Amino acid sequence: GTLINESISTSAGAGHGQLVRPAELRHAIRDAGRTPAERTTDYRVRKAFSPSRDAVDEPEPLDAVEDAAATFGSYEALTRDERVRFRKATGT
């Protein structure tokens, strides 16, 4: 599955987590000898892709993202942002 703004693996030091482009995922799936497919939340196949390693898929908007941190922000920047820091309530 894919996540948007995933923070668990990146906070643990992983190099991926913010963005892996759909084309990269399909490439890895094909390299593993499997057929890529896009599924619904209840796992029905929404769209099946060619199993061929030479397949050229139609680009998706996320494939065009050059700099994921600049486009979406980063978990590291989020953890340093004072606007989203927990503050204990006072006076009550």
PDB file of N, CA and C in Angstrom:
ATOM      1  N   GLY A   1       0.818  -1.190   0.000  1.00  0.00           N
ATOM      2  CA  GLY A   1       0.000   0.000   0.000  1.00  0.00           C
ATOM      3  C   GLY A   1       0.854   1.243   0.000  1.00  0.00           C
ATOM      4  N   THR A   2       0.241   2.355  -0.224  1.00  0.00           N
ATOM      5  CA  THR A   2       0.948   3.630  -0.209  1.00  0.00           C
ATOM      6  C   THR A   2       0.345   4.534   0.848  1.00  0.00           C
ATOM      7  N   LEU A   3       1.158   5.391   1.376  1.00  0.00           N
ATOM      8  CA  LEU A   3       0.734   6.338   2.392  1.00  0.00           C
ATOM      9  C   LEU A   3       1.121   7.741   1.964  1.00  0.00           C
ATOM     10  N   ILE A   4       0.380   8.702   2.393  1.00  0.00           N
ATOM     11  CA  ILE A   4       0.714  10.094   2.136  1.00  0.00           C
ATOM     12  C   ILE A   4       1.295  10.665   3.425  1.00  0.00           C
ATOM     13  N   ASN A   5       2.442  11.319   3.318  1.00  0.00           N
ATOM     14  CA  ASN A   5       3.129  11.925   4.453  1.00  0.00           C
ATOM     15  C   ASN A   5       3.395  10.907   5.557  1.00  0.00           C
ATOM     16  N   GLU A   6       3.919   9.770   5.196  1.00  0.00           N
ATOM     17  CA  GLU A   6       4.247   8.703   6.130  1.00  0.00           C
ATOM     18  C   GLU A   6       5.353   9.175   7.055  1.00  0.00           C
ATOM     19  N   SER A   7       5.215   8.915   8.338  1.00  0.00           N
ATOM     20  CA  SER A   7       6.210   9.419   9.281  1.00  0.00           C
ATOM     21  C   SER A   7       6.885   8.333  10.112  1.00  0.00           C
ATOM     22  N   ILE A   8       6.367   7.133  10.144  1.00  0.00           N
ATOM     23  CA  ILE A   8       6.921   6.107  11.023  1.00  0.00           C
ATOM     24  C   ILE A   8       8.309   5.673  10.553  1.00  0.00           C
ATOM     25  N   SER A   9       8.426   5.257   9.289  1.00  0.00           N
ATOM     26  CA  SER A   9       9.728   4.777   8.822  1.00  0.00           C
ATOM     27  C   SER A   9      10.738   5.918   8.701  1.00  0.00           C
ATOM     28  N   THR A  10      10.281   7.108   8.292  1.00  0.00           N
ATOM     29  CA  THR A  10      11.232   8.218   8.177  1.00  0.00           C
ATOM     30  C   THR A  10      11.727   8.674   9.544  1.00  0.00           C
ATOM     31  N   SER A  11      10.866   8.619  10.564  1.00  0.00           N
ATOM     32  CA  SER A  11      11.320   9.013  11.900  1.00  0.00           C
ATOM     33  C   SER A  11      12.299   7.992  12.464  1.00  0.00           C
ATOM     34  N   ALA A  12      12.253   6.775  11.933  1.00  0.00           N
ATOM     35  CA  ALA A  12      13.192   5.735  12.354  1.00  0.00           C
ATOM     36  C   ALA A  12      14.485   5.782  11.541  1.00  0.00           C
ATOM     37  N   GLY A  13      14.569   6.726  10.590  1.00  0.00           N
ATOM     38  CA  GLY A  13      15.796   6.903   9.829  1.00  0.00           C
ATOM     39  C   GLY A  13      15.793   6.314   8.436  1.00  0.00           C
ATOM     40  N   ALA A  14      14.650   5.800   7.973  1.00  0.00           N
ATOM     41  CA  ALA A  14      14.589   5.216   6.630  1.00  0.00           C
ATOM     42  C   ALA A  14      14.757   6.295   5.562  1.00  0.00           C
ATOM     43  N   GLY A  15      15.347   5.913   4.453  1.00  0.00           N
ATOM     44  CA  GLY A  15      15.542   6.853   3.349  1.00  0.00           C
ATOM     45  C   GLY A  15      14.297   7.072   2.533  1.00  0.00           C
ATOM     46  N   HIS A  16      13.337   6.147   2.626  1.00  0.00           N
ATOM     47  CA  HIS A  16      12.084   6.295   1.888  1.00  0.00           C
ATOM     48  C   HIS A  16      10.963   6.464   2.886  1.00  0.00           C
ATOM     49  N   GLY A  17       9.850   6.890   2.414  1.00  0.00           N
ATOM     50  CA  GLY A  17       8.702   7.092   3.280  1.00  0.00           C
ATOM     51  C   GLY A  17       7.917   8.287   2.823  1.00  0.00           C
ATOM     52  N   GLN A  18       8.598   9.332   2.406  1.00  0.00           N
ATOM     53  CA  GLN A  18       7.889  10.520   1.962  1.00  0.00           C
ATOM     54  C   GLN A  18       7.287  10.301   0.584  1.00  0.00           C
ATOM     55  N   LEU A  19       8.066   9.792  -0.337  1.00  0.00           N
ATOM     56  CA  LEU A  19       7.520   9.568  -1.676  1.00  0.00           C
ATOM     57  C   LEU A  19       8.335   8.524  -2.417  1.00  0.00           C
ATOM     58  N   VAL A  20       7.654   7.525  -2.910  1.00  0.00           N
ATOM     59  CA  VAL A  20       8.210   6.623  -3.909  1.00  0.00           C
ATOM     60  C   VAL A  20       7.242   6.742  -5.069  1.00  0.00           C
ATOM     61  N   ARG A  21       7.754   7.170  -6.199  1.00  0.00           N
ATOM     62  CA  ARG A  21       6.902   7.431  -7.353  1.00  0.00           C
ATOM     63  C   ARG A  21       6.224   6.149  -7.840  1.00  0.00           C
ATOM     64  N   PRO A  22       4.982   6.261  -8.340  1.00  0.00           N
ATOM     65  CA  PRO A  22       4.264   5.084  -8.835  1.00  0.00           C
ATOM     66  C   PRO A  22       5.062   4.285  -9.867  1.00  0.00           C
ATOM     67  N   ALA A  23       5.770   4.966 -10.753  1.00  0.00           N
ATOM     68  CA  ALA A  23       6.572   4.259 -11.763  1.00  0.00           C
ATOM     69  C   ALA A  23       7.670   3.430 -11.104  1.00  0.00           C
ATOM     70  N   GLU A  24       8.270   3.950 -10.015  1.00  0.00           N
ATOM     71  CA  GLU A  24       9.305   3.203  -9.291  1.00  0.00           C
ATOM     72  C   GLU A  24       8.715   1.962  -8.618  1.00  0.00           C
ATOM     73  N   LEU A  25       7.520   2.113  -8.045  1.00  0.00           N
ATOM     74  CA  LEU A  25       6.865   0.967  -7.414  1.00  0.00           C
ATOM     75  C   LEU A  25       6.559  -0.116  -8.436  1.00  0.00           C
ATOM     76  N   ARG A  26       6.023   0.285  -9.583  1.00  0.00           N
ATOM     77  CA  ARG A  26       5.711  -0.709 -10.614  1.00  0.00           C
ATOM     78  C   ARG A  26       6.973  -1.396 -11.119  1.00  0.00           C
ATOM     79  N   HIS A  27       8.060  -0.644 -11.242  1.00  0.00           N
ATOM     80  CA  HIS A  27       9.332  -1.222 -11.676  1.00  0.00           C
ATOM     81  C   HIS A  27       9.811  -2.285 -10.671  1.00  0.00           C
ATOM     82  N   ALA A  28       9.739  -1.964  -9.392  1.00  0.00           N
ATOM     83  CA  ALA A  28      10.171  -2.911  -8.350  1.00  0.00           C
ATOM     84  C   ALA A  28       9.277  -4.154  -8.340  1.00  0.00           C
ATOM     85  N   ILE A  29       7.994  -3.957  -8.548  1.00  0.00           N
ATOM     86  CA  ILE A  29       7.054  -5.081  -8.581  1.00  0.00           C
ATOM     87  C   ILE A  29       7.378  -6.003  -9.747  1.00  0.00           C
ATOM     88  N   ARG A  30       7.633  -5.411 -10.910  1.00  0.00           N
ATOM     89  CA  ARG A  30       7.982  -6.217 -12.088  1.00  0.00           C
ATOM     90  C   ARG A  30       9.310  -6.933 -11.895  1.00  0.00           C
ATOM     91  N   ASP A  31      10.281  -6.245 -11.276  1.00  0.00           N
ATOM     92  CA  ASP A  31      11.578  -6.885 -11.007  1.00  0.00           C
ATOM     93  C   ASP A  31      11.435  -8.089 -10.084  1.00  0.00           C
ATOM     94  N   ALA A  32      10.405  -8.068  -9.251  1.00  0.00           N
ATOM     95  CA  ALA A  32      10.152  -9.183  -8.343  1.00  0.00           C
ATOM     96  C   ALA A  32       9.372 -10.305  -9.030  1.00  0.00           C
ATOM     97  N   GLY A  33       9.093 -10.115 -10.326  1.00  0.00           N
ATOM     98  CA  GLY A  33       8.385 -11.139 -11.078  1.00  0.00           C
ATOM     99  C   GLY A  33       6.882 -11.124 -10.890  1.00  0.00           C
ATOM    100  N   ARG A  34       6.353 -10.011 -10.384  1.00  0.00           N
ATOM    101  CA  ARG A  34       4.917  -9.890 -10.134  1.00  0.00           C
ATOM    102  C   ARG A  34       4.292  -8.904 -11.116  1.00  0.00           C
ATOM    103  N   THR A  35       2.982  -8.865 -11.150  1.00  0.00           N
ATOM    104  CA  THR A  35       2.238  -7.959 -12.015  1.00  0.00           C
ATOM    105  C   THR A  35       1.690  -6.812 -11.181  1.00  0.00           C
ATOM    106  N   PRO A  36       2.051  -5.565 -11.513  1.00  0.00           N
ATOM    107  CA  PRO A  36       1.528  -4.439 -10.735  1.00  0.00           C
ATOM    108  C   PRO A  36       0.031  -4.232 -10.970  1.00  0.00           C
ATOM    109  N   ALA A  37      -0.659  -3.850  -9.921  1.00  0.00           N
ATOM    110  CA  ALA A  37      -2.086  -3.551 -10.005  1.00  0.00           C
ATOM    111  C   ALA A  37      -2.426  -2.468  -8.994  1.00  0.00           C
ATOM    112  N   GLU A  38      -3.360  -1.641  -9.363  1.00  0.00           N
ATOM    113  CA  GLU A  38      -3.883  -0.628  -8.451  1.00  0.00           C
ATOM    114  C   GLU A  38      -5.174  -1.200  -7.884  1.00  0.00           C
ATOM    115  N   ARG A  39      -5.317  -1.154  -6.556  1.00  0.00           N
ATOM    116  CA  ARG A  39      -6.479  -1.778  -5.920  1.00  0.00           C
ATOM    117  C   ARG A  39      -7.299  -0.766  -5.125  1.00  0.00           C
ATOM    118  N   THR A  40      -8.546  -1.135  -4.891  1.00  0.00           N
ATOM    119  CA  THR A  40      -9.416  -0.328  -4.052  1.00  0.00           C
ATOM    120  C   THR A  40      -9.103  -0.642  -2.587  1.00  0.00           C
ATOM    121  N   THR A  41      -9.756   0.054  -1.673  1.00  0.00           N
ATOM    122  CA  THR A  41      -9.508  -0.194  -0.249  1.00  0.00           C
ATOM    123  C   THR A  41      -9.967  -1.573   0.199  1.00  0.00           C
ATOM    124  N   ASP A  42     -10.849  -2.207  -0.566  1.00  0.00           N
ATOM    125  CA  ASP A  42     -11.239  -3.582  -0.225  1.00  0.00           C
ATOM    126  C   ASP A  42     -10.563  -4.591  -1.163  1.00  0.00           C
ATOM    127  N   TYR A  43      -9.445  -4.196  -1.731  1.00  0.00           N
ATOM    128  CA  TYR A  43      -8.516  -5.050  -2.492  1.00  0.00           C
ATOM    129  C   TYR A  43      -9.018  -5.535  -3.854  1.00  0.00           C
ATOM    130  N   ARG A  44     -10.108  -4.964  -4.339  1.00  0.00           N
ATOM    131  CA  ARG A  44     -10.518  -5.299  -5.706  1.00  0.00           C
ATOM    132  C   ARG A  44      -9.578  -4.588  -6.667  1.00  0.00           C
ATOM    133  N   VAL A  45      -9.254  -5.241  -7.778  1.00  0.00           N
ATOM    134  CA  VAL A  45      -8.360  -4.636  -8.763  1.00  0.00           C
ATOM    135  C   VAL A  45      -9.083  -3.491  -9.456  1.00  0.00           C
ATOM    136  N   ARG A  46      -8.516  -2.310  -9.333  1.00  0.00           N
ATOM    137  CA  ARG A  46      -9.059  -1.116  -9.994  1.00  0.00           C
ATOM    138  C   ARG A  46      -8.454  -0.976 -11.382  1.00  0.00           C
ATOM    139  N   LYS A  47      -7.151  -1.269 -11.471  1.00  0.00           N
ATOM    140  CA  LYS A  47      -6.440  -1.149 -12.739  1.00  0.00           C
ATOM    141  C   LYS A  47      -5.264  -2.123 -12.715  1.00  0.00           C
ATOM    142  N   ALA A  48      -5.167  -2.956 -13.742  1.00  0.00           N
ATOM    143  CA  ALA A  48      -4.037  -3.880 -13.858  1.00  0.00           C
ATOM    144  C   ALA A  48      -3.057  -3.319 -14.883  1.00  0.00           C
ATOM    145  N   PHE A  49      -1.782  -3.485 -14.623  1.00  0.00           N
ATOM    146  CA  PHE A  49      -0.734  -3.008 -15.510  1.00  0.00           C
ATOM    147  C   PHE A  49      -0.079  -4.191 -16.195  1.00  0.00           C
ATOM    148  N   SER A  50       0.634  -3.928 -17.256  1.00  0.00           N
ATOM    149  CA  SER A  50       1.342  -4.981 -17.972  1.00  0.00           C
ATOM    150  C   SER A  50       2.416  -5.586 -17.064  1.00  0.00           C
ATOM    151  N   PRO A  51       2.576  -6.916 -17.105  1.00  0.00           N
ATOM    152  CA  PRO A  51       3.628  -7.543 -16.310  1.00  0.00           C
ATOM    153  C   PRO A  51       5.010  -7.408 -16.950  1.00  0.00           C
ATOM    154  N   SER A  52       5.070  -6.954 -18.198  1.00  0.00           N
ATOM    155  CA  SER A  52       6.336  -6.877 -18.924  1.00  0.00           C
ATOM    156  C   SER A  52       7.287  -5.847 -18.325  1.00  0.00           C
ATOM    157  N   ARG A  53       8.546  -6.253 -18.156  1.00  0.00           N
ATOM    158  CA  ARG A  53       9.568  -5.327 -17.651  1.00  0.00           C
ATOM    159  C   ARG A  53       9.812  -4.175 -18.619  1.00  0.00           C
ATOM    160  N   ASP A  54       9.468  -4.362 -19.889  1.00  0.00           N
ATOM    161  CA  ASP A  54       9.657  -3.326 -20.908  1.00  0.00           C
ATOM    162  C   ASP A  54       8.433  -2.423 -21.064  1.00  0.00           C
ATOM    163  N   ALA A  55       7.417  -2.614 -20.235  1.00  0.00           N
ATOM    164  CA  ALA A  55       6.182  -1.842 -20.353  1.00  0.00           C
ATOM    165  C   ALA A  55       6.455  -0.359 -20.113  1.00  0.00           C
ATOM    166  N   VAL A  56       5.771   0.464 -20.862  1.00  0.00           N
ATOM    167  CA  VAL A  56       5.828   1.911 -20.678  1.00  0.00           C
ATOM    168  C   VAL A  56       4.433   2.340 -20.230  1.00  0.00           C
ATOM    169  N   ASP A  57       4.313   2.671 -18.958  1.00  0.00           N
ATOM    170  CA  ASP A  57       3.017   3.060 -18.403  1.00  0.00           C
ATOM    171  C   ASP A  57       2.785   4.552 -18.604  1.00  0.00           C
ATOM    172  N   GLU A  58       1.516   4.910 -18.630  1.00  0.00           N
ATOM    173  CA  GLU A  58       1.159   6.320 -18.700  1.00  0.00           C
ATOM    174  C   GLU A  58       1.644   7.001 -17.419  1.00  0.00           C
ATOM    175  N   PRO A  59       2.358   8.134 -17.554  1.00  0.00           N
ATOM    176  CA  PRO A  59       2.856   8.808 -16.345  1.00  0.00           C
ATOM    177  C   PRO A  59       1.705   9.306 -15.472  1.00  0.00           C
ATOM    178  N   GLU A  60       1.937   9.286 -14.182  1.00  0.00           N
ATOM    179  CA  GLU A  60       0.971   9.803 -13.220  1.00  0.00           C
ATOM    180  C   GLU A  60       1.525  11.094 -12.622  1.00  0.00           C
ATOM    181  N   PRO A  61       0.681  11.955 -12.076  1.00  0.00           N
ATOM    182  CA  PRO A  61       1.154  13.230 -11.528  1.00  0.00           C
ATOM    183  C   PRO A  61       2.304  13.086 -10.532  1.00  0.00           C
ATOM    184  N   LEU A  62       2.274  12.075  -9.663  1.00  0.00           N
ATOM    185  CA  LEU A  62       3.347  11.916  -8.678  1.00  0.00           C
ATOM    186  C   LEU A  62       4.677  11.525  -9.318  1.00  0.00           C
ATOM    187  N   ASP A  63       4.635  10.957 -10.531  1.00  0.00           N
ATOM    188  CA  ASP A  63       5.874  10.623 -11.229  1.00  0.00           C
ATOM    189  C   ASP A  63       6.662  11.878 -11.602  1.00  0.00           C
ATOM    190  N   ALA A  64       5.984  13.019 -11.698  1.00  0.00           N
ATOM    191  CA  ALA A  64       6.626  14.262 -12.121  1.00  0.00           C
ATOM    192  C   ALA A  64       7.217  15.072 -10.967  1.00  0.00           C
ATOM    193  N   VAL A  65       7.004  14.641  -9.724  1.00  0.00           N
ATOM    194  CA  VAL A  65       7.526  15.380  -8.570  1.00  0.00           C
ATOM    195  C   VAL A  65       9.045  15.277  -8.555  1.00  0.00           C
ATOM    196  N   GLU A  66       9.704  16.422  -8.600  1.00  0.00           N
ATOM    197  CA  GLU A  66      11.174  16.461  -8.597  1.00  0.00           C
ATOM    198  C   GLU A  66      11.748  16.398  -7.185  1.00  0.00           C
ATOM    199  N   ASP A  67      11.180  17.182  -6.277  1.00  0.00           N
ATOM    200  CA  ASP A  67      11.709  17.293  -4.923  1.00  0.00           C
ATOM    201  C   ASP A  67      10.561  17.103  -3.937  1.00  0.00           C
ATOM    202  N   ALA A  68      10.432  15.878  -3.409  1.00  0.00           N
ATOM    203  CA  ALA A  68       9.309  15.558  -2.533  1.00  0.00           C
ATOM    204  C   ALA A  68       9.285  16.437  -1.279  1.00  0.00           C
ATOM    205  N   ALA A  69      10.430  16.689  -0.672  1.00  0.00           N
ATOM    206  CA  ALA A  69      10.469  17.500   0.551  1.00  0.00           C
ATOM    207  C   ALA A  69      10.019  18.928   0.268  1.00  0.00           C
ATOM    208  N   ALA A  70      10.422  19.480  -0.868  1.00  0.00           N
ATOM    209  CA  ALA A  70      10.014  20.844  -1.217  1.00  0.00           C
ATOM    210  C   ALA A  70       8.527  20.899  -1.555  1.00  0.00           C
ATOM    211  N   THR A  71       8.017  19.844  -2.161  1.00  0.00           N
ATOM    212  CA  THR A  71       6.619  19.815  -2.575  1.00  0.00           C
ATOM    213  C   THR A  71       5.677  19.510  -1.422  1.00  0.00           C
ATOM    214  N   PHE A  72       6.030  18.521  -0.598  1.00  0.00           N
ATOM    215  CA  PHE A  72       5.130  18.053   0.444  1.00  0.00           C
ATOM    216  C   PHE A  72       5.591  18.382   1.857  1.00  0.00           C
ATOM    217  N   GLY A  73       6.797  18.864   2.016  1.00  0.00           N
ATOM    218  CA  GLY A  73       7.356  19.054   3.343  1.00  0.00           C
ATOM    219  C   GLY A  73       8.040  17.772   3.772  1.00  0.00           C
ATOM    220  N   SER A  74       8.620  17.777   4.940  1.00  0.00           N
ATOM    221  CA  SER A  74       9.298  16.584   5.429  1.00  0.00           C
ATOM    222  C   SER A  74       8.917  16.342   6.881  1.00  0.00           C
ATOM    223  N   TYR A  75       9.043  15.112   7.309  1.00  0.00           N
ATOM    224  CA  TYR A  75       8.749  14.786   8.699  1.00  0.00           C
ATOM    225  C   TYR A  75       9.697  15.540   9.632  1.00  0.00           C
ATOM    226  N   GLU A  76      10.956  15.643   9.235  1.00  0.00           N
ATOM    227  CA  GLU A  76      11.928  16.360  10.060  1.00  0.00           C
ATOM    228  C   GLU A  76      11.498  17.817  10.268  1.00  0.00           C
ATOM    229  N   ALA A  77      11.071  18.471   9.187  1.00  0.00           N
ATOM    230  CA  ALA A  77      10.617  19.859   9.313  1.00  0.00           C
ATOM    231  C   ALA A  77       9.359  19.943  10.178  1.00  0.00           C
ATOM    232  N   LEU A  78       8.464  18.986  10.036  1.00  0.00           N
ATOM    233  CA  LEU A  78       7.238  18.971  10.828  1.00  0.00           C
ATOM    234  C   LEU A  78       7.553  18.858  12.312  1.00  0.00           C
ATOM    235  N   THR A  79       8.515  18.020  12.678  1.00  0.00           N
ATOM    236  CA  THR A  79       8.835  17.845  14.096  1.00  0.00           C
ATOM    237  C   THR A  79       9.485  19.082  14.701  1.00  0.00           C
ATOM    238  N   ARG A  80      10.024  19.947  13.876  1.00  0.00           N
ATOM    239  CA  ARG A  80      10.651  21.180  14.381  1.00  0.00           C
ATOM    240  C   ARG A  80       9.704  22.390  14.359  1.00  0.00           C
ATOM    241  N   ASP A  81       8.531  22.222  13.784  1.00  0.00           N
ATOM    242  CA  ASP A  81       7.581  23.324  13.623  1.00  0.00           C
ATOM    243  C   ASP A  81       6.850  23.569  14.949  1.00  0.00           C
ATOM    244  N   GLU A  82       7.059  24.723  15.529  1.00  0.00           N
ATOM    245  CA  GLU A  82       6.462  25.064  16.820  1.00  0.00           C
ATOM    246  C   GLU A  82       4.937  25.135  16.750  1.00  0.00           C
ATOM    247  N   ARG A  83       4.376  25.360  15.577  1.00  0.00           N
ATOM    248  CA  ARG A  83       2.918  25.446  15.447  1.00  0.00           C
ATOM    249  C   ARG A  83       2.227  24.116  15.729  1.00  0.00           C
ATOM    250  N   VAL A  84       2.943  23.023  15.624  1.00  0.00           N
ATOM    251  CA  VAL A  84       2.315  21.713  15.837  1.00  0.00           C
ATOM    252  C   VAL A  84       2.899  20.982  17.041  1.00  0.00           C
ATOM    253  N   ARG A  85       3.589  21.691  17.914  1.00  0.00           N
ATOM    254  CA  ARG A  85       4.157  21.096  19.124  1.00  0.00           C
ATOM    255  C   ARG A  85       3.088  20.979  20.196  1.00  0.00           C
ATOM    256  N   PHE A  86       3.169  19.908  20.972  1.00  0.00           N
ATOM    257  CA  PHE A  86       2.247  19.728  22.091  1.00  0.00           C
ATOM    258  C   PHE A  86       2.598  20.725  23.189  1.00  0.00           C
ATOM    259  N   ARG A  87       1.578  21.346  23.732  1.00  0.00           N
ATOM    260  CA  ARG A  87       1.752  22.250  24.869  1.00  0.00           C
ATOM    261  C   ARG A  87       0.735  21.874  25.933  1.00  0.00           C
ATOM    262  N   LYS A  88       1.210  21.653  27.125  1.00  0.00           N
ATOM    263  CA  LYS A  88       0.328  21.313  28.235  1.00  0.00           C
ATOM    264  C   LYS A  88      -0.569  22.514  28.572  1.00  0.00           C
ATOM    265  N   ALA A  89      -1.841  22.254  28.716  1.00  0.00           N
ATOM    266  CA  ALA A  89      -2.774  23.325  29.071  1.00  0.00           C
ATOM    267  C   ALA A  89      -2.420  23.889  30.439  1.00  0.00           C
ATOM    268  N   THR A  90      -2.556  25.184  30.616  1.00  0.00           N
ATOM    269  CA  THR A  90      -2.249  25.805  31.897  1.00  0.00           C
ATOM    270  C   THR A  90      -3.481  26.473  32.477  1.00  0.00           C
ATOM    271  N   GLY A  91      -3.535  26.593  33.801  1.00  0.00           N
ATOM    272  CA  GLY A  91      -4.567  27.370  34.472  1.00  0.00           C
ATOM    273  C   GLY A  91      -5.862  26.646  34.788  1.00  0.00           C
ATOM    274  N   THR A  92      -6.036  25.405  34.358  1.00  0.00           N
ATOM    275  CA  THR A  92      -7.305  24.749  34.703  1.00  0.00           C
ATOM    276  C   THR A  92      -7.074  23.508  35.506  1.00  0.00           C
TER     277      THR A  92
END
